[in-house]
Amino acid sequence: MASTTPARKPYRKAPPQHRETRHSLTTASPPPAMQPEFSQEALSDSDRIRILQQQNEDLRHRLSLSTHKMEAMEAEFEGSRHYMEAELSRTRDDLDKMRDKFRRYGGQWPPKIS
């Protein structure tokens, strides 16, 4: 006897533009630590300046990544909001149509066919 359930299609990974983006705080790299073998007194002013400049660049890079992620999340939120507003509008239209049908049939639903 043949089965009436359709055969399942094999799983296929979605292309990158259709994949869900997962935002995680753990993906950011930790701030660079000072090198433990050097003490503050042993570093020259130029070394300190170089280290601070590198830390500054790292922080700017991390801020840029965070800003980019926030902008992407904002765009995704706006798209979802517009979609939900359109769905709500369609649902309200359907509700209005059903109310009109209900009123036309004198409050009887489903209408009696004679």
PDB file of N, CA and C in Angstrom:
ATOM      1  N   MET A   1       0.841  -1.173   0.000  1.00  0.00           N
ATOM      2  CA  MET A   1       0.000   0.000   0.000  1.00  0.00           C
ATOM      3  C   MET A   1       0.887   1.236   0.000  1.00  0.00           C
ATOM      4  N   ALA A   2       0.586   2.206  -0.819  1.00  0.00           N
ATOM      5  CA  ALA A   2       1.414   3.398  -0.956  1.00  0.00           C
ATOM      6  C   ALA A   2       1.105   4.384   0.170  1.00  0.00           C
ATOM      7  N   SER A   3       2.110   5.065   0.600  1.00  0.00           N
ATOM      8  CA  SER A   3       1.949   6.065   1.661  1.00  0.00           C
ATOM      9  C   SER A   3       1.394   7.348   1.061  1.00  0.00           C
ATOM     10  N   THR A   4       0.486   7.996   1.798  1.00  0.00           N
ATOM     11  CA  THR A   4      -0.115   9.230   1.297  1.00  0.00           C
ATOM     12  C   THR A   4       0.683  10.464   1.686  1.00  0.00           C
ATOM     13  N   THR A   5       1.681  10.310   2.552  1.00  0.00           N
ATOM     14  CA  THR A   5       2.486  11.468   2.939  1.00  0.00           C
ATOM     15  C   THR A   5       3.522  11.740   1.866  1.00  0.00           C
ATOM     16  N   PRO A   6       3.705  13.016   1.519  1.00  0.00           N
ATOM     17  CA  PRO A   6       4.684  13.343   0.482  1.00  0.00           C
ATOM     18  C   PRO A   6       6.100  13.132   1.000  1.00  0.00           C
ATOM     19  N   ALA A   7       7.005  12.831   0.089  1.00  0.00           N
ATOM     20  CA  ALA A   7       8.408  12.647   0.464  1.00  0.00           C
ATOM     21  C   ALA A   7       8.990  13.984   0.878  1.00  0.00           C
ATOM     22  N   ARG A   8       9.796  13.956   1.910  1.00  0.00           N
ATOM     23  CA  ARG A   8      10.407  15.196   2.395  1.00  0.00           C
ATOM     24  C   ARG A   8      11.584  15.566   1.509  1.00  0.00           C
ATOM     25  N   LYS A   9      11.709  16.864   1.264  1.00  0.00           N
ATOM     26  CA  LYS A   9      12.833  17.337   0.481  1.00  0.00           C
ATOM     27  C   LYS A   9      14.067  17.384   1.372  1.00  0.00           C
ATOM     28  N   PRO A  10      15.238  17.161   0.811  1.00  0.00           N
ATOM     29  CA  PRO A  10      16.451  17.230   1.638  1.00  0.00           C
ATOM     30  C   PRO A  10      16.693  18.657   2.103  1.00  0.00           C
ATOM     31  N   TYR A  11      17.316  18.787   3.261  1.00  0.00           N
ATOM     32  CA  TYR A  11      17.625  20.104   3.814  1.00  0.00           C
ATOM     33  C   TYR A  11      18.638  20.806   2.929  1.00  0.00           C
ATOM     34  N   ARG A  12      18.361  22.057   2.645  1.00  0.00           N
ATOM     35  CA  ARG A  12      19.274  22.867   1.857  1.00  0.00           C
ATOM     36  C   ARG A  12      19.552  24.154   2.603  1.00  0.00           C
ATOM     37  N   LYS A  13      20.789  24.484   2.806  1.00  0.00           N
ATOM     38  CA  LYS A  13      21.158  25.679   3.550  1.00  0.00           C
ATOM     39  C   LYS A  13      20.757  26.921   2.758  1.00  0.00           C
ATOM     40  N   ALA A  14      20.180  27.894   3.454  1.00  0.00           N
ATOM     41  CA  ALA A  14      19.730  29.122   2.807  1.00  0.00           C
ATOM     42  C   ALA A  14      20.937  29.946   2.372  1.00  0.00           C
ATOM     43  N   PRO A  15      20.785  30.716   1.288  1.00  0.00           N
ATOM     44  CA  PRO A  15      21.888  31.591   0.879  1.00  0.00           C
ATOM     45  C   PRO A  15      22.123  32.656   1.957  1.00  0.00           C
ATOM     46  N   PRO A  16      23.300  33.251   1.998  1.00  0.00           N
ATOM     47  CA  PRO A  16      23.641  34.184   3.078  1.00  0.00           C
ATOM     48  C   PRO A  16      22.652  35.335   3.236  1.00  0.00           C
ATOM     49  N   GLN A  17      22.107  35.856   2.142  1.00  0.00           N
ATOM     50  CA  GLN A  17      21.207  36.999   2.258  1.00  0.00           C
ATOM     51  C   GLN A  17      19.868  36.633   2.901  1.00  0.00           C
ATOM     52  N   HIS A  18      19.558  35.323   2.990  1.00  0.00           N
ATOM     53  CA  HIS A  18      18.303  34.888   3.582  1.00  0.00           C
ATOM     54  C   HIS A  18      18.471  34.250   4.950  1.00  0.00           C
ATOM     55  N   ARG A  19      19.695  34.161   5.422  1.00  0.00           N
ATOM     56  CA  ARG A  19      19.923  33.545   6.716  1.00  0.00           C
ATOM     57  C   ARG A  19      19.584  34.507   7.834  1.00  0.00           C
ATOM     58  N   GLU A  20      19.142  33.935   8.930  1.00  0.00           N
ATOM     59  CA  GLU A  20      18.836  34.738  10.112  1.00  0.00           C
ATOM     60  C   GLU A  20      20.149  35.232  10.704  1.00  0.00           C
ATOM     61  N   THR A  21      20.165  36.517  11.041  1.00  0.00           N
ATOM     62  CA  THR A  21      21.360  37.050  11.675  1.00  0.00           C
ATOM     63  C   THR A  21      21.187  36.943  13.175  1.00  0.00           C
ATOM     64  N   ARG A  22      22.175  36.423  13.813  1.00  0.00           N
ATOM     65  CA  ARG A  22      22.141  36.285  15.274  1.00  0.00           C
ATOM     66  C   ARG A  22      23.140  37.259  15.851  1.00  0.00           C
ATOM     67  N   HIS A  23      22.623  38.147  16.668  1.00  0.00           N
ATOM     68  CA  HIS A  23      23.463  39.176  17.253  1.00  0.00           C
ATOM     69  C   HIS A  23      23.898  38.720  18.634  1.00  0.00           C
ATOM     70  N   SER A  24      25.184  38.674  18.823  1.00  0.00           N
ATOM     71  CA  SER A  24      25.716  38.184  20.077  1.00  0.00           C
ATOM     72  C   SER A  24      26.793  39.139  20.578  1.00  0.00           C
ATOM     73  N   LEU A  25      26.790  39.347  21.866  1.00  0.00           N
ATOM     74  CA  LEU A  25      27.797  40.213  22.439  1.00  0.00           C
ATOM     75  C   LEU A  25      29.125  39.488  22.605  1.00  0.00           C
ATOM     76  N   THR A  26      29.115  38.178  22.510  1.00  0.00           N
ATOM     77  CA  THR A  26      30.333  37.415  22.727  1.00  0.00           C
ATOM     78  C   THR A  26      31.238  37.400  21.500  1.00  0.00           C
ATOM     79  N   THR A  27      30.791  37.912  20.352  1.00  0.00           N
ATOM     80  CA  THR A  27      31.608  37.868  19.156  1.00  0.00           C
ATOM     81  C   THR A  27      32.689  38.939  19.172  1.00  0.00           C
ATOM     82  N   ALA A  28      32.506  39.995  19.954  1.00  0.00           N
ATOM     83  CA  ALA A  28      33.504  41.054  20.007  1.00  0.00           C
ATOM     84  C   ALA A  28      34.729  40.551  20.756  1.00  0.00           C
ATOM     85  N   SER A  29      35.886  40.895  20.229  1.00  0.00           N
ATOM     86  CA  SER A  29      37.111  40.456  20.892  1.00  0.00           C
ATOM     87  C   SER A  29      37.336  41.294  22.139  1.00  0.00           C
ATOM     88  N   PRO A  30      37.942  40.704  23.161  1.00  0.00           N
ATOM     89  CA  PRO A  30      38.186  41.460  24.385  1.00  0.00           C
ATOM     90  C   PRO A  30      39.218  42.545  24.139  1.00  0.00           C
ATOM     91  N   PRO A  31      39.211  43.594  24.947  1.00  0.00           N
ATOM     92  CA  PRO A  31      40.186  44.664  24.732  1.00  0.00           C
ATOM     93  C   PRO A  31      41.603  44.128  24.931  1.00  0.00           C
ATOM     94  N   PRO A  32      42.547  44.651  24.174  1.00  0.00           N
ATOM     95  CA  PRO A  32      43.909  44.147  24.297  1.00  0.00           C
ATOM     96  C   PRO A  32      44.475  44.464  25.679  1.00  0.00           C
ATOM     97  N   ALA A  33      45.152  43.493  26.241  1.00  0.00           N
ATOM     98  CA  ALA A  33      45.736  43.676  27.567  1.00  0.00           C
ATOM     99  C   ALA A  33      47.143  44.243  27.424  1.00  0.00           C
ATOM    100  N   MET A  34      47.560  44.954  28.439  1.00  0.00           N
ATOM    101  CA  MET A  34      48.931  45.467  28.459  1.00  0.00           C
ATOM    102  C   MET A  34      49.893  44.292  28.545  1.00  0.00           C
ATOM    103  N   GLN A  35      51.027  44.449  27.970  1.00  0.00           N
ATOM    104  CA  GLN A  35      52.019  43.387  28.015  1.00  0.00           C
ATOM    105  C   GLN A  35      52.570  43.292  29.442  1.00  0.00           C
ATOM    106  N   PRO A  36      52.434  42.121  30.082  1.00  0.00           N
ATOM    107  CA  PRO A  36      52.824  42.011  31.481  1.00  0.00           C
ATOM    108  C   PRO A  36      54.324  42.089  31.731  1.00  0.00           C
ATOM    109  N   GLU A  37      55.152  41.809  30.728  1.00  0.00           N
ATOM    110  CA  GLU A  37      56.584  41.788  30.986  1.00  0.00           C
ATOM    111  C   GLU A  37      57.188  43.184  31.149  1.00  0.00           C
ATOM    112  N   PHE A  38      56.437  44.224  30.713  1.00  0.00           N
ATOM    113  CA  PHE A  38      56.949  45.586  30.849  1.00  0.00           C
ATOM    114  C   PHE A  38      56.212  46.285  31.978  1.00  0.00           C
ATOM    115  N   SER A  39      56.928  46.955  32.814  1.00  0.00           N
ATOM    116  CA  SER A  39      56.289  47.768  33.845  1.00  0.00           C
ATOM    117  C   SER A  39      56.103  49.169  33.285  1.00  0.00           C
ATOM    118  N   GLN A  40      55.230  49.946  33.895  1.00  0.00           N
ATOM    119  CA  GLN A  40      54.948  51.292  33.416  1.00  0.00           C
ATOM    120  C   GLN A  40      56.209  52.164  33.456  1.00  0.00           C
ATOM    121  N   GLU A  41      57.041  51.949  34.462  1.00  0.00           N
ATOM    122  CA  GLU A  41      58.241  52.781  34.588  1.00  0.00           C
ATOM    123  C   GLU A  41      59.250  52.471  33.482  1.00  0.00           C
ATOM    124  N   ALA A  42      59.291  51.217  33.020  1.00  0.00           N
ATOM    125  CA  ALA A  42      60.275  50.804  32.027  1.00  0.00           C
ATOM    126  C   ALA A  42      59.924  51.290  30.626  1.00  0.00           C
ATOM    127  N   LEU A  43      58.669  51.667  30.390  1.00  0.00           N
ATOM    128  CA  LEU A  43      58.256  52.113  29.059  1.00  0.00           C
ATOM    129  C   LEU A  43      58.616  53.578  28.863  1.00  0.00           C
ATOM    130  N   SER A  44      59.079  53.878  27.680  1.00  0.00           N
ATOM    131  CA  SER A  44      59.355  55.279  27.361  1.00  0.00           C
ATOM    132  C   SER A  44      58.042  55.962  26.977  1.00  0.00           C
ATOM    133  N   ASP A  45      58.061  57.268  26.908  1.00  0.00           N
ATOM    134  CA  ASP A  45      56.862  58.016  26.523  1.00  0.00           C
ATOM    135  C   ASP A  45      56.389  57.626  25.130  1.00  0.00           C
ATOM    136  N   SER A  46      57.311  57.415  24.216  1.00  0.00           N
ATOM    137  CA  SER A  46      56.925  57.048  22.847  1.00  0.00           C
ATOM    138  C   SER A  46      56.269  55.666  22.831  1.00  0.00           C
ATOM    139  N   ASP A  47      56.759  54.745  23.682  1.00  0.00           N
ATOM    140  CA  ASP A  47      56.133  53.424  23.765  1.00  0.00           C
ATOM    141  C   ASP A  47      54.720  53.525  24.313  1.00  0.00           C
ATOM    142  N   ARG A  48      54.544  54.324  25.352  1.00  0.00           N
ATOM    143  CA  ARG A  48      53.202  54.515  25.933  1.00  0.00           C
ATOM    144  C   ARG A  48      52.251  55.123  24.913  1.00  0.00           C
ATOM    145  N   ILE A  49      52.757  56.109  24.187  1.00  0.00           N
ATOM    146  CA  ILE A  49      51.919  56.761  23.168  1.00  0.00           C
ATOM    147  C   ILE A  49      51.527  55.755  22.096  1.00  0.00           C
ATOM    148  N   ARG A  50      52.473  54.934  21.656  1.00  0.00           N
ATOM    149  CA  ARG A  50      52.195  53.929  20.640  1.00  0.00           C
ATOM    150  C   ARG A  50      51.144  52.929  21.134  1.00  0.00           C
ATOM    151  N   ILE A  51      51.279  52.472  22.384  1.00  0.00           N
ATOM    152  CA  ILE A  51      50.309  51.524  22.951  1.00  0.00           C
ATOM    153  C   ILE A  51      48.929  52.164  23.044  1.00  0.00           C
ATOM    154  N   LEU A  52      48.886  53.412  23.497  1.00  0.00           N
ATOM    155  CA  LEU A  52      47.591  54.105  23.609  1.00  0.00           C
ATOM    156  C   LEU A  52      46.970  54.343  22.234  1.00  0.00           C
ATOM    157  N   GLN A  53      47.810  54.650  21.253  1.00  0.00           N
ATOM    158  CA  GLN A  53      47.281  54.829  19.891  1.00  0.00           C
ATOM    159  C   GLN A  53      46.705  53.519  19.358  1.00  0.00           C
ATOM    160  N   GLN A  54      47.376  52.407  19.633  1.00  0.00           N
ATOM    161  CA  GLN A  54      46.867  51.108  19.198  1.00  0.00           C
ATOM    162  C   GLN A  54      45.553  50.783  19.897  1.00  0.00           C
ATOM    163  N   GLN A  55      45.481  51.045  21.203  1.00  0.00           N
ATOM    164  CA  GLN A  55      44.227  50.817  21.930  1.00  0.00           C
ATOM    165  C   GLN A  55      43.117  51.689  21.376  1.00  0.00           C
ATOM    166  N   ASN A  56      43.469  52.926  21.043  1.00  0.00           N
ATOM    167  CA  ASN A  56      42.485  53.855  20.479  1.00  0.00           C
ATOM    168  C   ASN A  56      41.961  53.329  19.143  1.00  0.00           C
ATOM    169  N   GLU A  57      42.855  52.841  18.289  1.00  0.00           N
ATOM    170  CA  GLU A  57      42.441  52.277  17.004  1.00  0.00           C
ATOM    171  C   GLU A  57      41.561  51.046  17.197  1.00  0.00           C
ATOM    172  N   ASP A  58      41.939  50.193  18.150  1.00  0.00           N
ATOM    173  CA  ASP A  58      41.122  49.004  18.425  1.00  0.00           C
ATOM    174  C   ASP A  58      39.721  49.400  18.889  1.00  0.00           C
ATOM    175  N   LEU A  59      39.646  50.400  19.758  1.00  0.00           N
ATOM    176  CA  LEU A  59      38.343  50.860  20.245  1.00  0.00           C
ATOM    177  C   LEU A  59      37.522  51.476  19.118  1.00  0.00           C
ATOM    178  N   ARG A  60      38.174  52.236  18.246  1.00  0.00           N
ATOM    179  CA  ARG A  60      37.457  52.810  17.094  1.00  0.00           C
ATOM    180  C   ARG A  60      36.906  51.706  16.197  1.00  0.00           C
ATOM    181  N   HIS A  61      37.708  50.671  15.978  1.00  0.00           N
ATOM    182  CA  HIS A  61      37.268  49.550  15.139  1.00  0.00           C
ATOM    183  C   HIS A  61      36.070  48.851  15.772  1.00  0.00           C
ATOM    184  N   ARG A  62      36.142  48.585  17.071  1.00  0.00           N
ATOM    185  CA  ARG A  62      35.034  47.931  17.758  1.00  0.00           C
ATOM    186  C   ARG A  62      33.779  48.805  17.747  1.00  0.00           C
ATOM    187  N   LEU A  63      33.962  50.127  17.902  1.00  0.00           N
ATOM    188  CA  LEU A  63      32.822  51.039  17.836  1.00  0.00           C
ATOM    189  C   LEU A  63      32.201  51.020  16.443  1.00  0.00           C
ATOM    190  N   SER A  64      33.041  50.967  15.420  1.00  0.00           N
ATOM    191  CA  SER A  64      32.539  50.901  14.045  1.00  0.00           C
ATOM    192  C   SER A  64      31.726  49.628  13.823  1.00  0.00           C
ATOM    193  N   LEU A  65      32.244  48.490  14.316  1.00  0.00           N
ATOM    194  CA  LEU A  65      31.509  47.226  14.187  1.00  0.00           C
ATOM    195  C   LEU A  65      30.173  47.287  14.924  1.00  0.00           C
ATOM    196  N   SER A  66      30.189  47.829  16.128  1.00  0.00           N
ATOM    197  CA  SER A  66      28.953  47.937  16.909  1.00  0.00           C
ATOM    198  C   SER A  66      27.946  48.848  16.222  1.00  0.00           C
ATOM    199  N   THR A  67      28.423  49.949  15.670  1.00  0.00           N
ATOM    200  CA  THR A  67      27.540  50.882  14.961  1.00  0.00           C
ATOM    201  C   THR A  67      26.930  50.204  13.743  1.00  0.00           C
ATOM    202  N   HIS A  68      27.743  49.452  13.007  1.00  0.00           N
ATOM    203  CA  HIS A  68      27.243  48.743  11.828  1.00  0.00           C
ATOM    204  C   HIS A  68      26.170  47.723  12.220  1.00  0.00           C
ATOM    205  N   LYS A  69      26.425  46.976  13.305  1.00  0.00           N
ATOM    206  CA  LYS A  69      25.443  45.990  13.770  1.00  0.00           C
ATOM    207  C   LYS A  69      24.145  46.679  14.186  1.00  0.00           C
ATOM    208  N   MET A  70      24.252  47.794  14.893  1.00  0.00           N
ATOM    209  CA  MET A  70      23.058  48.522  15.329  1.00  0.00           C
ATOM    210  C   MET A  70      22.254  49.031  14.134  1.00  0.00           C
ATOM    211  N   GLU A  71      22.945  49.536  13.108  1.00  0.00           N
ATOM    212  CA  GLU A  71      22.252  50.008  11.908  1.00  0.00           C
ATOM    213  C   GLU A  71      21.549  48.859  11.192  1.00  0.00           C
ATOM    214  N   ALA A  72      22.195  47.707  11.138  1.00  0.00           N
ATOM    215  CA  ALA A  72      21.575  46.542  10.500  1.00  0.00           C
ATOM    216  C   ALA A  72      20.352  46.090  11.292  1.00  0.00           C
ATOM    217  N   MET A  73      20.453  46.085  12.616  1.00  0.00           N
ATOM    218  CA  MET A  73      19.316  45.695  13.450  1.00  0.00           C
ATOM    219  C   MET A  73      18.176  46.698  13.306  1.00  0.00           C
ATOM    220  N   GLU A  74      18.506  47.984  13.197  1.00  0.00           N
ATOM    221  CA  GLU A  74      17.479  49.007  13.016  1.00  0.00           C
ATOM    222  C   GLU A  74      16.749  48.814  11.688  1.00  0.00           C
ATOM    223  N   ALA A  75      17.500  48.534  10.638  1.00  0.00           N
ATOM    224  CA  ALA A  75      16.884  48.313   9.326  1.00  0.00           C
ATOM    225  C   ALA A  75      16.003  47.069   9.355  1.00  0.00           C
ATOM    226  N   GLU A  76      16.467  46.013  10.019  1.00  0.00           N
ATOM    227  CA  GLU A  76      15.673  44.788  10.132  1.00  0.00           C
ATOM    228  C   GLU A  76      14.392  45.049  10.921  1.00  0.00           C
ATOM    229  N   PHE A  77      14.496  45.824  11.984  1.00  0.00           N
ATOM    230  CA  PHE A  77      13.326  46.169  12.798  1.00  0.00           C
ATOM    231  C   PHE A  77      12.319  46.978  11.983  1.00  0.00           C
ATOM    232  N   GLU A  78      12.809  47.963  11.239  1.00  0.00           N
ATOM    233  CA  GLU A  78      11.912  48.786  10.421  1.00  0.00           C
ATOM    234  C   GLU A  78      11.192  47.946   9.375  1.00  0.00           C
ATOM    235  N   GLY A  79      11.914  47.034   8.747  1.00  0.00           N
ATOM    236  CA  GLY A  79      11.286  46.155   7.761  1.00  0.00           C
ATOM    237  C   GLY A  79      10.211  45.291   8.390  1.00  0.00           C
ATOM    238  N   SER A  80      10.499  44.755   9.572  1.00  0.00           N
ATOM    239  CA  SER A  80       9.517  43.932  10.275  1.00  0.00           C
ATOM    240  C   SER A  80       8.306  44.761  10.678  1.00  0.00           C
ATOM    241  N   ARG A  81       8.556  45.984  11.122  1.00  0.00           N
ATOM    242  CA  ARG A  81       7.450  46.856  11.532  1.00  0.00           C
ATOM    243  C   ARG A  81       6.535  47.173  10.345  1.00  0.00           C
ATOM    244  N   HIS A  82       7.137  47.492   9.200  1.00  0.00           N
ATOM    245  CA  HIS A  82       6.324  47.782   8.007  1.00  0.00           C
ATOM    246  C   HIS A  82       5.514  46.557   7.587  1.00  0.00           C
ATOM    247  N   TYR A  83       6.122  45.381   7.657  1.00  0.00           N
ATOM    248  CA  TYR A  83       5.424  44.150   7.302  1.00  0.00           C
ATOM    249  C   TYR A  83       4.241  43.925   8.240  1.00  0.00           C
ATOM    250  N   MET A  84       4.465  44.096   9.542  1.00  0.00           N
ATOM    251  CA  MET A  84       3.397  43.867  10.515  1.00  0.00           C
ATOM    252  C   MET A  84       2.277  44.900  10.357  1.00  0.00           C
ATOM    253  N   GLU A  85       2.612  46.135  10.031  1.00  0.00           N
ATOM    254  CA  GLU A  85       1.579  47.149   9.792  1.00  0.00           C
ATOM    255  C   GLU A  85       0.731  46.778   8.570  1.00  0.00           C
ATOM    256  N   ALA A  86       1.371  46.260   7.536  1.00  0.00           N
ATOM    257  CA  ALA A  86       0.625  45.850   6.341  1.00  0.00           C
ATOM    258  C   ALA A  86      -0.287  44.669   6.668  1.00  0.00           C
ATOM    259  N   GLU A  87       0.210  43.701   7.446  1.00  0.00           N
ATOM    260  CA  GLU A  87      -0.610  42.557   7.847  1.00  0.00           C
ATOM    261  C   GLU A  87      -1.795  43.015   8.691  1.00  0.00           C
ATOM    262  N   LEU A  88      -1.570  43.944   9.589  1.00  0.00           N
ATOM    263  CA  LEU A  88      -2.648  44.463  10.429  1.00  0.00           C
ATOM    264  C   LEU A  88      -3.704  45.157   9.578  1.00  0.00           C
ATOM    265  N   SER A  89      -3.269  45.913   8.597  1.00  0.00           N
ATOM    266  CA  SER A  89      -4.208  46.594   7.701  1.00  0.00           C
ATOM    267  C   SER A  89      -5.052  45.586   6.920  1.00  0.00           C
ATOM    268  N   ARG A  90      -4.409  44.533   6.400  1.00  0.00           N
ATOM    269  CA  ARG A  90      -5.155  43.498   5.671  1.00  0.00           C
ATOM    270  C   ARG A  90      -6.152  42.786   6.589  1.00  0.00           C
ATOM    271  N   THR A  91      -5.739  42.517   7.800  1.00  0.00           N
ATOM    272  CA  THR A  91      -6.625  41.833   8.747  1.00  0.00           C
ATOM    273  C   THR A  91      -7.815  42.709   9.100  1.00  0.00           C
ATOM    274  N   ARG A  92      -7.578  44.007   9.275  1.00  0.00           N
ATOM    275  CA  ARG A  92      -8.694  44.928   9.556  1.00  0.00           C
ATOM    276  C   ARG A  92      -9.669  44.979   8.387  1.00  0.00           C
ATOM    277  N   ASP A  93      -9.120  44.985   7.158  1.00  0.00           N
ATOM    278  CA  ASP A  93      -9.993  44.973   5.982  1.00  0.00           C
ATOM    279  C   ASP A  93     -10.840  43.704   5.950  1.00  0.00           C
ATOM    280  N   ASP A  94     -10.223  42.560   6.230  1.00  0.00           N
ATOM    281  CA  ASP A  94     -10.963  41.300   6.264  1.00  0.00           C
ATOM    282  C   ASP A  94     -12.047  41.331   7.344  1.00  0.00           C
ATOM    283  N   LEU A  95     -11.720  41.888   8.499  1.00  0.00           N
ATOM    284  CA  LEU A  95     -12.695  41.992   9.574  1.00  0.00           C
ATOM    285  C   LEU A  95     -13.869  42.878   9.167  1.00  0.00           C
ATOM    286  N   ASP A  96     -13.591  44.002   8.520  1.00  0.00           N
ATOM    287  CA  ASP A  96     -14.662  44.886   8.050  1.00  0.00           C
ATOM    288  C   ASP A  96     -15.557  44.178   7.038  1.00  0.00           C
ATOM    289  N   LYS A  97     -14.957  43.402   6.136  1.00  0.00           N
ATOM    290  CA  LYS A  97     -15.750  42.658   5.155  1.00  0.00           C
ATOM    291  C   LYS A  97     -16.653  41.635   5.841  1.00  0.00           C
ATOM    292  N   MET A  98     -16.115  40.941   6.824  1.00  0.00           N
ATOM    293  CA  MET A  98     -16.911  39.946   7.538  1.00  0.00           C
ATOM    294  C   MET A  98     -18.048  40.606   8.316  1.00  0.00           C
ATOM    295  N   ARG A  99     -17.778  41.762   8.914  1.00  0.00           N
ATOM    296  CA  ARG A  99     -18.843  42.487   9.635  1.00  0.00           C
ATOM    297  C   ARG A  99     -19.954  42.907   8.683  1.00  0.00           C
ATOM    298  N   ASP A 100     -19.563  43.379   7.487  1.00  0.00           N
ATOM    299  CA  ASP A 100     -20.568  43.776   6.497  1.00  0.00           C
ATOM    300  C   ASP A 100     -21.427  42.585   6.086  1.00  0.00           C
ATOM    301  N   LYS A 101     -20.787  41.438   5.852  1.00  0.00           N
ATOM    302  CA  LYS A 101     -21.549  40.240   5.495  1.00  0.00           C
ATOM    303  C   LYS A 101     -22.499  39.854   6.621  1.00  0.00           C
ATOM    304  N   PHE A 102     -22.040  39.925   7.836  1.00  0.00           N
ATOM    305  CA  PHE A 102     -22.859  39.562   8.988  1.00  0.00           C
ATOM    306  C   PHE A 102     -24.077  40.482   9.084  1.00  0.00           C
ATOM    307  N   ARG A 103     -23.871  41.787   8.870  1.00  0.00           N
ATOM    308  CA  ARG A 103     -24.991  42.743   8.929  1.00  0.00           C
ATOM    309  C   ARG A 103     -25.978  42.503   7.788  1.00  0.00           C
ATOM    310  N   ARG A 104     -25.458  42.180   6.586  1.00  0.00           N
ATOM    311  CA  ARG A 104     -26.337  41.960   5.435  1.00  0.00           C
ATOM    312  C   ARG A 104     -27.262  40.771   5.633  1.00  0.00           C
ATOM    313  N   TYR A 105     -26.795  39.769   6.335  1.00  0.00           N
ATOM    314  CA  TYR A 105     -27.605  38.575   6.547  1.00  0.00           C
ATOM    315  C   TYR A 105     -28.418  38.664   7.836  1.00  0.00           C
ATOM    316  N   GLY A 106     -28.555  39.868   8.400  1.00  0.00           N
ATOM    317  CA  GLY A 106     -29.428  40.064   9.556  1.00  0.00           C
ATOM    318  C   GLY A 106     -28.911  39.413  10.828  1.00  0.00           C
ATOM    319  N   GLY A 107     -27.639  39.316  10.985  1.00  0.00           N
ATOM    320  CA  GLY A 107     -27.081  38.747  12.209  1.00  0.00           C
ATOM    321  C   GLY A 107     -27.032  37.233  12.217  1.00  0.00           C
ATOM    322  N   GLN A 108     -27.419  36.589  11.150  1.00  0.00           N
ATOM    323  CA  GLN A 108     -27.361  35.134  11.071  1.00  0.00           C
ATOM    324  C   GLN A 108     -26.065  34.723  10.359  1.00  0.00           C
ATOM    325  N   TRP A 109     -25.342  33.866  10.971  1.00  0.00           N
ATOM    326  CA  TRP A 109     -24.171  33.346  10.296  1.00  0.00           C
ATOM    327  C   TRP A 109     -24.022  31.898  10.655  1.00  0.00           C
ATOM    328  N   PRO A 110     -23.878  31.038   9.787  1.00  0.00           N
ATOM    329  CA  PRO A 110     -23.903  31.212   8.335  1.00  0.00           C
ATOM    330  C   PRO A 110     -25.343  31.455   7.854  1.00  0.00           C
ATOM    331  N   PRO A 111     -25.474  32.099   6.726  1.00  0.00           N
ATOM    332  CA  PRO A 111     -26.820  32.401   6.226  1.00  0.00           C
ATOM    333  C   PRO A 111     -27.593  31.133   5.876  1.00  0.00           C
ATOM    334  N   LYS A 112     -28.892  31.195   6.137  1.00  0.00           N
ATOM    335  CA  LYS A 112     -29.753  30.045   5.803  1.00  0.00           C
ATOM    336  C   LYS A 112     -30.109  30.112   4.331  1.00  0.00           C
ATOM    337  N   ILE A 113     -29.958  29.018   3.664  1.00  0.00           N
ATOM    338  CA  ILE A 113     -30.293  28.951   2.234  1.00  0.00           C
ATOM    339  C   ILE A 113     -31.684  28.308   2.134  1.00  0.00           C
ATOM    340  N   SER A 114     -32.578  29.041   1.507  1.00  0.00           N
ATOM    341  CA  SER A 114     -33.928  28.486   1.387  1.00  0.00           C
ATOM    342  C   SER A 114     -34.260  28.185  -0.046  1.00  0.00           C
TER     343      SER A 114
END
